[in-house]
N, C-alpha and C. Protein backbone atom coordinates (compact mmCIF):
# COMPACT_ATOMS: atom_id res chain seq x y z
N UNK A 1 92.07 116.64 87.71
CA UNK A 1 91.91 115.14 88.21
C UNK A 1 93.49 114.39 88.38
N UNK A 2 93.32 113.70 89.65
CA UNK A 2 94.51 113.22 90.06
C UNK A 2 94.92 112.00 89.34
N UNK A 3 96.08 111.79 89.17
CA UNK A 3 96.48 110.38 88.50
C UNK A 3 95.63 109.22 88.70
N UNK A 4 95.41 108.91 90.29
CA UNK A 4 94.94 107.88 90.81
C UNK A 4 93.52 107.91 90.39
N UNK A 5 92.93 108.94 90.34
CA UNK A 5 91.27 109.15 90.07
C UNK A 5 91.23 108.77 88.44
N UNK A 6 92.04 109.12 87.80
CA UNK A 6 92.18 108.61 86.41
C UNK A 6 92.23 107.22 86.35
N UNK A 7 93.15 106.63 86.90
CA UNK A 7 93.29 104.96 86.89
C UNK A 7 91.88 104.34 87.18
N UNK A 8 91.26 104.79 88.41
CA UNK A 8 89.95 104.30 88.63
C UNK A 8 88.94 104.42 87.62
N UNK A 9 88.85 105.57 87.06
CA UNK A 9 87.97 105.90 86.04
C UNK A 9 88.21 104.77 84.76
N UNK A 10 89.60 104.76 84.41
CA UNK A 10 89.96 104.00 83.23
C UNK A 10 89.61 102.46 83.82
N UNK A 11 89.70 102.14 84.78
CA UNK A 11 89.52 100.46 85.40
C UNK A 11 87.94 100.54 85.27
N UNK A 12 87.53 101.02 85.83
CA UNK A 12 86.03 100.93 86.12
C UNK A 12 85.47 101.04 84.53
N UNK A 13 86.01 101.81 83.72
CA UNK A 13 85.17 102.16 82.17
C UNK A 13 85.55 100.72 81.64
N UNK A 14 86.64 100.19 81.82
CA UNK A 14 87.06 98.78 81.21
C UNK A 14 86.42 97.60 81.93
N UNK A 15 85.68 98.04 83.21
CA UNK A 15 84.99 96.84 83.76
C UNK A 15 85.99 95.87 84.25
N UNK A 16 87.18 96.44 85.12
CA UNK A 16 88.09 95.61 85.60
C UNK A 16 88.02 95.74 87.29
N UNK A 17 88.01 94.71 87.90
CA UNK A 17 88.10 95.02 89.23
C UNK A 17 89.33 95.09 90.05
N UNK A 18 89.27 95.72 91.15
CA UNK A 18 90.54 95.99 91.62
C UNK A 18 91.26 94.64 92.04
N UNK A 19 90.67 93.57 92.22
CA UNK A 19 91.24 92.52 92.56
C UNK A 19 92.15 91.73 91.02
N UNK A 20 91.24 92.03 90.00
CA UNK A 20 91.78 91.83 88.58
C UNK A 20 93.20 92.43 88.17
N UNK A 21 93.25 93.77 88.37
CA UNK A 21 94.22 94.52 88.42
C UNK A 21 95.57 94.12 89.34
N UNK A 22 94.92 94.31 90.55
CA UNK A 22 96.24 93.97 91.42
C UNK A 22 96.88 92.52 91.10
N UNK A 23 95.89 91.40 90.88
CA UNK A 23 96.78 90.35 90.49
C UNK A 23 97.67 90.36 89.08
N UNK A 24 97.14 91.15 88.41
CA UNK A 24 98.00 91.23 87.03
C UNK A 24 99.29 92.12 87.42
N UNK A 25 99.22 92.90 88.18
CA UNK A 25 100.53 93.57 88.32
C UNK A 25 101.16 93.19 89.73
N UNK A 26 100.65 92.06 90.31
CA UNK A 26 101.45 91.36 91.26
C UNK A 26 101.22 91.83 92.85
N UNK A 27 100.37 92.62 93.08
CA UNK A 27 100.07 93.23 94.37
C UNK A 27 98.39 92.57 94.72
N UNK A 28 98.27 92.79 95.91
CA UNK A 28 96.92 92.44 96.61
C UNK A 28 95.80 93.47 96.19
N UNK A 29 94.73 93.24 96.10
CA UNK A 29 93.56 93.96 96.20
C UNK A 29 93.37 95.03 97.12
N UNK A 30 93.82 94.87 98.13
CA UNK A 30 93.90 95.72 99.23
C UNK A 30 95.12 96.86 98.95
N UNK A 31 96.17 96.58 98.59
CA UNK A 31 97.23 97.50 98.23
C UNK A 31 96.79 98.24 97.21
N UNK A 32 96.08 97.65 96.03
CA UNK A 32 96.05 98.22 94.85
C UNK A 32 94.86 99.59 95.14
N UNK A 33 94.18 99.09 96.01
CA UNK A 33 92.66 100.01 96.62
C UNK A 33 93.51 101.25 97.30
N UNK A 34 94.53 100.96 97.90
CA UNK A 34 95.46 102.16 98.38
C UNK A 34 96.00 103.10 97.51
N UNK A 35 96.33 102.59 96.79
CA UNK A 35 97.05 103.41 95.62
C UNK A 35 95.92 104.17 94.89
N UNK A 36 94.97 103.29 94.68
CA UNK A 36 93.81 104.35 93.39
C UNK A 36 93.00 105.01 94.37
N UNK A 37 93.01 104.89 95.73
CA UNK A 37 92.42 105.91 96.51
C UNK A 37 93.42 106.93 97.02
N UNK A 38 94.63 107.30 96.65
CA UNK A 38 95.44 108.20 96.87
C UNK A 38 96.13 108.19 98.23
N UNK A 39 95.53 107.02 98.97
CA UNK A 39 96.46 107.02 100.33
C UNK A 39 97.63 106.51 100.35
N UNK A 40 98.27 105.93 99.03
CA UNK A 40 99.89 105.56 98.79
C UNK A 40 100.19 106.08 97.52
N UNK A 41 101.29 106.54 97.39
CA UNK A 41 101.77 106.73 96.00
C UNK A 41 102.03 105.38 95.16
N UNK A 42 101.48 105.27 94.14
CA UNK A 42 101.97 103.82 93.37
C UNK A 42 103.38 103.82 92.95
N UNK A 43 104.06 102.82 93.44
CA UNK A 43 105.41 103.11 92.59
C UNK A 43 105.45 102.74 91.05
N UNK A 44 106.41 103.46 90.36
CA UNK A 44 106.69 103.34 89.01
C UNK A 44 106.45 102.04 88.36
N UNK A 45 107.25 100.91 88.92
CA UNK A 45 106.75 99.77 88.20
C UNK A 45 105.48 99.19 88.29
N UNK A 46 104.90 99.30 89.37
CA UNK A 46 103.39 98.98 89.41
C UNK A 46 102.84 99.85 88.45
N UNK A 47 102.94 101.17 88.42
CA UNK A 47 102.18 102.40 87.49
C UNK A 47 102.34 101.78 86.01
N UNK A 48 103.62 101.54 85.75
CA UNK A 48 103.97 101.08 84.21
C UNK A 48 102.75 99.65 84.03
N UNK A 49 102.95 98.80 84.69
CA UNK A 49 102.47 97.59 84.63
C UNK A 49 100.85 97.71 84.67
N UNK A 50 100.48 98.62 85.29
CA UNK A 50 98.80 99.02 85.47
C UNK A 50 98.37 99.50 84.07
N UNK A 51 99.26 100.73 83.46
CA UNK A 51 98.90 101.00 82.29
C UNK A 51 98.94 100.23 81.15
N UNK A 52 100.05 99.43 81.36
CA UNK A 52 100.13 98.21 80.25
C UNK A 52 98.85 96.97 80.19
N UNK A 53 98.58 97.04 81.59
CA UNK A 53 97.23 95.80 81.69
C UNK A 53 96.05 96.80 81.16
N UNK A 54 96.01 97.93 81.46
CA UNK A 54 94.76 98.77 80.85
C UNK A 54 94.63 99.18 79.42
N UNK A 55 96.04 99.19 78.88
CA UNK A 55 96.09 99.54 77.56
C UNK A 55 95.95 101.08 77.31
N UNK A 56 96.32 101.70 78.30
CA UNK A 56 96.33 103.39 78.04
C UNK A 56 97.69 103.68 78.55
N UNK A 57 97.95 105.28 77.78
CA UNK A 57 99.20 105.69 78.10
C UNK A 57 99.44 106.11 79.30
N UNK A 58 100.64 106.25 79.94
CA UNK A 58 101.12 106.68 81.16
C UNK A 58 100.82 108.40 80.91
N UNK A 59 101.32 109.01 79.57
CA UNK A 59 100.76 110.28 79.54
C UNK A 59 99.61 110.62 79.83
N UNK A 60 98.78 109.88 79.47
CA UNK A 60 97.10 110.45 79.63
C UNK A 60 96.77 110.28 80.58
N UNK A 61 97.27 109.12 81.67
CA UNK A 61 96.78 109.09 82.94
C UNK A 61 97.62 110.32 83.90
N UNK A 62 98.81 110.46 83.35
CA UNK A 62 99.41 111.88 84.29
C UNK A 62 99.19 112.94 83.67
N UNK A 63 98.42 113.20 82.75
CA UNK A 63 97.70 114.51 81.84
C UNK A 63 98.90 115.10 81.62
N UNK A 64 99.82 114.57 80.81
CA UNK A 64 101.07 115.09 80.37
C UNK A 64 100.72 115.71 78.89
N UNK A 65 101.22 116.89 78.75
CA UNK A 65 100.74 117.53 77.50
C UNK A 65 101.39 117.08 76.23
N UNK A 66 100.94 116.93 75.03
CA UNK A 66 101.14 116.39 73.83
C UNK A 66 102.30 117.28 73.55
N UNK A 67 103.38 116.97 72.31
CA UNK A 67 103.96 117.99 71.87
C UNK A 67 105.30 118.26 72.65
N UNK A 68 105.77 117.53 73.87
CA UNK A 68 106.93 117.86 74.65
C UNK A 68 108.14 117.34 73.97
N UNK A 69 109.31 117.91 73.95
CA UNK A 69 110.73 117.15 73.61
C UNK A 69 110.98 116.36 74.28
N UNK A 70 111.78 115.56 73.78
CA UNK A 70 112.57 114.46 74.55
C UNK A 70 114.07 114.69 74.55
N UNK A 71 114.86 114.83 75.62
CA UNK A 71 116.31 115.02 75.55
C UNK A 71 117.19 114.19 74.72
N UNK A 72 118.12 114.86 74.11
CA UNK A 72 118.96 114.34 73.14
C UNK A 72 120.21 113.77 73.98
N UNK A 73 120.06 112.51 74.47
CA UNK A 73 121.16 111.94 75.35
C UNK A 73 121.85 110.71 74.92
């Protein structure tokens, strides 16, 4: 499943409209719809806000496996 499909799945599960999430992250319903359909890549700042609004980890949306190490910088 692509990340934008998972975003849509979570959004509909939480009964949130494209208009509501678009407003919450500072974009139009139409622009959000383009991201959610995969027509455009969602910029990271909007992606982060969408995850926070939906209350879901970006790791889950991106299907990043658990147990990965963080670099020691």
